[in-house]
Every structure is written in structure tokens, then in C-alpha cells.
Amino acid sequence: MAGLQGYPFAMIQLPASYQEYLAGKSERFIQTVRPILMQSAADQQHGVRVLYNPGPTGHQAHLDDSIPYGEIVEDID
């Protein structure tokens, strides 16, 4: 997230698709993926891949240039 100093996160609006994705999710899950959703909303160029890692790490999220902006793909690592 080092390159995001110019983006005031408080002013970034998540697209409706991201807000709908987070609806009903646990607070822990939201805290895990929300920073990446915010990064995606800031650059508006990449979608997000959410990975489930069986084991202690649980979920991870990252920007994915193969996914269009505003879309989220869930996958198993």
C-alpha cells in the first residue's frame, strides 16, 4: 500500500458491487479484504481476487489485473 499516500481512504467510495459483497460478512473478513477493495476503488483499474487458504491464514485478497474493476472473484489457494 506504499503507493497510496495520495488517496485519502475516508473519501473513497466503494462501488455498489463491493458493498454488496461485504454485506452479511463477518467483521474479521471485512477487515481482511476491505483495504484491498479500497485500493481497487482508488485506482479503478483492477478487480479483486479473494483467496481462501485452509489453515491459520484464512482469507487473503489482492488486486488482479485479469479481473475487471468492480468485480470480485473468490478462489481457493
N, C-alpha and C. Protein backbone atom coordinates (compact mmCIF):
# COMPACT_ATOMS: atom_id res chain seq x y z
N MET A 1 0.81 -1.18 0.00
CA MET A 1 0.00 0.00 0.00
C MET A 1 0.86 1.26 0.00
N ALA A 2 2.14 1.09 -0.17
CA ALA A 2 3.05 2.22 -0.11
C ALA A 2 2.72 3.28 -1.15
N GLY A 3 2.19 2.91 -2.29
CA GLY A 3 1.91 3.87 -3.33
C GLY A 3 0.59 4.60 -3.19
N LEU A 4 -0.08 4.43 -2.05
CA LEU A 4 -1.41 5.00 -1.91
C LEU A 4 -1.46 6.24 -1.02
N GLN A 5 -0.33 6.85 -0.72
CA GLN A 5 -0.34 8.02 0.15
C GLN A 5 -1.23 9.13 -0.41
N GLY A 6 -1.39 9.22 -1.69
CA GLY A 6 -2.20 10.27 -2.30
C GLY A 6 -3.69 10.01 -2.25
N TYR A 7 -4.12 8.86 -1.78
CA TYR A 7 -5.54 8.53 -1.74
C TYR A 7 -6.07 8.62 -0.32
N PRO A 8 -6.89 9.62 0.00
CA PRO A 8 -7.49 9.68 1.33
C PRO A 8 -8.62 8.65 1.42
N PHE A 9 -8.38 7.53 2.09
CA PHE A 9 -9.33 6.43 2.13
C PHE A 9 -10.71 6.84 2.62
N ALA A 10 -10.78 7.83 3.49
CA ALA A 10 -12.07 8.25 4.01
C ALA A 10 -12.95 8.81 2.89
N MET A 11 -12.36 9.24 1.81
CA MET A 11 -13.12 9.84 0.73
C MET A 11 -13.39 8.88 -0.42
N ILE A 12 -12.86 7.70 -0.36
CA ILE A 12 -13.05 6.73 -1.45
C ILE A 12 -14.38 6.00 -1.23
N GLN A 13 -15.21 6.01 -2.25
CA GLN A 13 -16.50 5.33 -2.20
C GLN A 13 -16.36 3.96 -2.88
N LEU A 14 -16.70 2.91 -2.15
CA LEU A 14 -16.66 1.58 -2.75
C LEU A 14 -17.80 1.46 -3.75
N PRO A 15 -17.56 0.79 -4.90
CA PRO A 15 -18.66 0.57 -5.84
C PRO A 15 -19.73 -0.32 -5.20
N ALA A 16 -20.93 -0.22 -5.71
CA ALA A 16 -22.06 -0.98 -5.16
C ALA A 16 -21.76 -2.48 -5.12
N SER A 17 -21.07 -3.00 -6.13
CA SER A 17 -20.78 -4.43 -6.16
C SER A 17 -19.91 -4.84 -4.98
N TYR A 18 -18.96 -3.97 -4.57
CA TYR A 18 -18.11 -4.28 -3.41
C TYR A 18 -18.91 -4.18 -2.12
N GLN A 19 -19.77 -3.19 -2.02
CA GLN A 19 -20.61 -3.03 -0.83
C GLN A 19 -21.54 -4.24 -0.67
N GLU A 20 -22.10 -4.68 -1.78
CA GLU A 20 -22.99 -5.85 -1.74
C GLU A 20 -22.22 -7.10 -1.34
N TYR A 21 -20.99 -7.22 -1.83
CA TYR A 21 -20.15 -8.38 -1.50
C TYR A 21 -19.89 -8.43 0.00
N LEU A 22 -19.66 -7.29 0.63
CA LEU A 22 -19.34 -7.25 2.06
C LEU A 22 -20.57 -7.45 2.95
N ALA A 23 -21.76 -7.22 2.40
CA ALA A 23 -22.98 -7.33 3.20
C ALA A 23 -23.11 -8.73 3.80
N GLY A 24 -23.30 -8.78 5.10
CA GLY A 24 -23.50 -10.05 5.79
C GLY A 24 -22.24 -10.81 6.14
N LYS A 25 -21.08 -10.28 5.75
CA LYS A 25 -19.81 -10.95 6.07
C LYS A 25 -19.40 -10.60 7.50
N SER A 26 -18.56 -11.43 8.08
CA SER A 26 -18.10 -11.19 9.45
C SER A 26 -17.18 -9.97 9.49
N GLU A 27 -17.09 -9.36 10.66
CA GLU A 27 -16.22 -8.19 10.82
C GLU A 27 -14.77 -8.54 10.53
N ARG A 28 -14.35 -9.72 10.93
CA ARG A 28 -12.97 -10.16 10.67
C ARG A 28 -12.70 -10.25 9.18
N PHE A 29 -13.64 -10.83 8.43
CA PHE A 29 -13.50 -10.95 6.99
C PHE A 29 -13.44 -9.56 6.36
N ILE A 30 -14.34 -8.68 6.76
CA ILE A 30 -14.37 -7.32 6.21
C ILE A 30 -13.05 -6.61 6.46
N GLN A 31 -12.51 -6.73 7.67
CA GLN A 31 -11.23 -6.09 7.99
C GLN A 31 -10.09 -6.65 7.14
N THR A 32 -10.21 -7.90 6.75
CA THR A 32 -9.17 -8.53 5.93
C THR A 32 -9.21 -8.03 4.49
N VAL A 33 -10.39 -7.97 3.88
CA VAL A 33 -10.48 -7.65 2.46
C VAL A 33 -10.72 -6.18 2.14
N ARG A 34 -11.26 -5.42 3.08
CA ARG A 34 -11.63 -4.03 2.80
C ARG A 34 -10.45 -3.18 2.32
N PRO A 35 -9.25 -3.29 2.90
CA PRO A 35 -8.14 -2.46 2.38
C PRO A 35 -7.86 -2.69 0.90
N ILE A 36 -8.01 -3.92 0.43
CA ILE A 36 -7.77 -4.20 -0.99
C ILE A 36 -8.92 -3.67 -1.83
N LEU A 37 -10.15 -3.77 -1.33
CA LEU A 37 -11.28 -3.20 -2.04
C LEU A 37 -11.11 -1.68 -2.16
N MET A 38 -10.61 -1.05 -1.10
CA MET A 38 -10.37 0.39 -1.13
C MET A 38 -9.28 0.73 -2.15
N GLN A 39 -8.24 -0.09 -2.19
CA GLN A 39 -7.16 0.14 -3.16
C GLN A 39 -7.70 0.02 -4.58
N SER A 40 -8.53 -0.99 -4.82
CA SER A 40 -9.14 -1.18 -6.14
C SER A 40 -10.02 0.02 -6.50
N ALA A 41 -10.81 0.49 -5.54
CA ALA A 41 -11.69 1.63 -5.79
C ALA A 41 -10.87 2.90 -6.05
N ALA A 42 -9.71 2.99 -5.43
CA ALA A 42 -8.87 4.17 -5.63
C ALA A 42 -8.28 4.21 -7.03
N ASP A 43 -7.79 3.07 -7.53
CA ASP A 43 -7.16 3.09 -8.86
C ASP A 43 -8.16 2.82 -9.99
N GLN A 44 -9.28 2.19 -9.69
CA GLN A 44 -10.34 1.88 -10.65
C GLN A 44 -9.82 1.21 -11.92
N GLN A 45 -8.82 0.34 -11.75
CA GLN A 45 -8.26 -0.35 -12.90
C GLN A 45 -8.30 -1.87 -12.76
N HIS A 46 -8.37 -2.38 -11.54
CA HIS A 46 -8.28 -3.82 -11.32
C HIS A 46 -9.39 -4.31 -10.41
N GLY A 47 -9.79 -5.55 -10.66
CA GLY A 47 -10.72 -6.22 -9.77
C GLY A 47 -9.95 -6.86 -8.63
N VAL A 48 -10.66 -7.64 -7.83
CA VAL A 48 -10.08 -8.23 -6.63
C VAL A 48 -10.29 -9.74 -6.64
N ARG A 49 -9.24 -10.45 -6.26
CA ARG A 49 -9.33 -11.90 -6.06
C ARG A 49 -9.23 -12.15 -4.57
N VAL A 50 -10.21 -12.85 -4.02
CA VAL A 50 -10.22 -13.23 -2.61
C VAL A 50 -9.93 -14.71 -2.53
N LEU A 51 -8.85 -15.04 -1.85
CA LEU A 51 -8.41 -16.43 -1.72
C LEU A 51 -8.74 -16.96 -0.35
N TYR A 52 -9.19 -18.21 -0.30
CA TYR A 52 -9.36 -18.90 0.97
C TYR A 52 -8.20 -19.89 1.10
N ASN A 53 -7.43 -19.71 2.15
CA ASN A 53 -6.31 -20.60 2.43
C ASN A 53 -6.69 -21.48 3.61
N PRO A 54 -6.90 -22.76 3.38
CA PRO A 54 -7.20 -23.64 4.52
C PRO A 54 -6.02 -23.59 5.49
N GLY A 55 -6.31 -23.35 6.73
CA GLY A 55 -5.26 -23.25 7.73
C GLY A 55 -5.34 -21.95 8.47
N PRO A 56 -4.27 -21.59 9.13
CA PRO A 56 -4.32 -20.43 10.03
C PRO A 56 -4.45 -19.07 9.34
N THR A 57 -4.07 -18.96 8.07
CA THR A 57 -4.13 -17.65 7.43
C THR A 57 -5.54 -17.27 6.99
N GLY A 58 -6.42 -18.21 6.76
CA GLY A 58 -7.79 -17.89 6.37
C GLY A 58 -7.89 -17.24 5.02
N HIS A 59 -8.48 -16.06 4.97
CA HIS A 59 -8.70 -15.34 3.71
C HIS A 59 -7.60 -14.33 3.44
N GLN A 60 -7.33 -14.15 2.16
CA GLN A 60 -6.42 -13.12 1.69
C GLN A 60 -7.06 -12.50 0.45
N ALA A 61 -6.71 -11.26 0.18
CA ALA A 61 -7.23 -10.59 -1.00
C ALA A 61 -6.10 -9.83 -1.69
N HIS A 62 -6.19 -9.73 -3.00
CA HIS A 62 -5.21 -8.95 -3.75
C HIS A 62 -5.83 -8.44 -5.04
N LEU A 63 -5.24 -7.35 -5.55
CA LEU A 63 -5.68 -6.83 -6.85
C LEU A 63 -5.29 -7.84 -7.91
N ASP A 64 -6.11 -7.94 -8.94
CA ASP A 64 -5.84 -8.89 -10.02
C ASP A 64 -6.16 -8.19 -11.34
N ASP A 65 -5.13 -7.99 -12.15
CA ASP A 65 -5.34 -7.26 -13.41
C ASP A 65 -6.10 -8.07 -14.45
N SER A 66 -6.34 -9.35 -14.19
CA SER A 66 -7.15 -10.14 -15.12
C SER A 66 -8.65 -10.05 -14.80
N ILE A 67 -8.99 -9.37 -13.71
CA ILE A 67 -10.38 -9.20 -13.30
C ILE A 67 -10.76 -7.74 -13.52
N PRO A 68 -11.87 -7.49 -14.20
CA PRO A 68 -12.29 -6.10 -14.45
C PRO A 68 -12.61 -5.38 -13.14
N TYR A 69 -12.35 -4.08 -13.13
CA TYR A 69 -12.66 -3.26 -11.97
C TYR A 69 -14.13 -3.43 -11.59
N GLY A 70 -14.38 -3.52 -10.30
CA GLY A 70 -15.74 -3.66 -9.78
C GLY A 70 -16.17 -5.09 -9.58
N GLU A 71 -15.34 -6.05 -10.01
CA GLU A 71 -15.68 -7.46 -9.84
C GLU A 71 -14.78 -8.11 -8.81
N ILE A 72 -15.33 -9.10 -8.12
CA ILE A 72 -14.58 -9.87 -7.12
C ILE A 72 -14.73 -11.34 -7.48
N VAL A 73 -13.62 -12.03 -7.46
CA VAL A 73 -13.61 -13.47 -7.74
C VAL A 73 -13.08 -14.17 -6.49
N GLU A 74 -13.80 -15.17 -6.02
CA GLU A 74 -13.35 -15.98 -4.91
C GLU A 74 -12.65 -17.22 -5.45
N ASP A 75 -11.59 -17.61 -4.77
CA ASP A 75 -10.80 -18.75 -5.23
C ASP A 75 -10.23 -19.47 -4.00
N ILE A 76 -9.79 -20.69 -4.19
CA ILE A 76 -9.14 -21.46 -3.14
C ILE A 76 -7.67 -21.56 -3.48
N ASP A 77 -6.84 -21.26 -2.51
CA ASP A 77 -5.40 -21.31 -2.72
C ASP A 77 -4.88 -22.70 -2.45
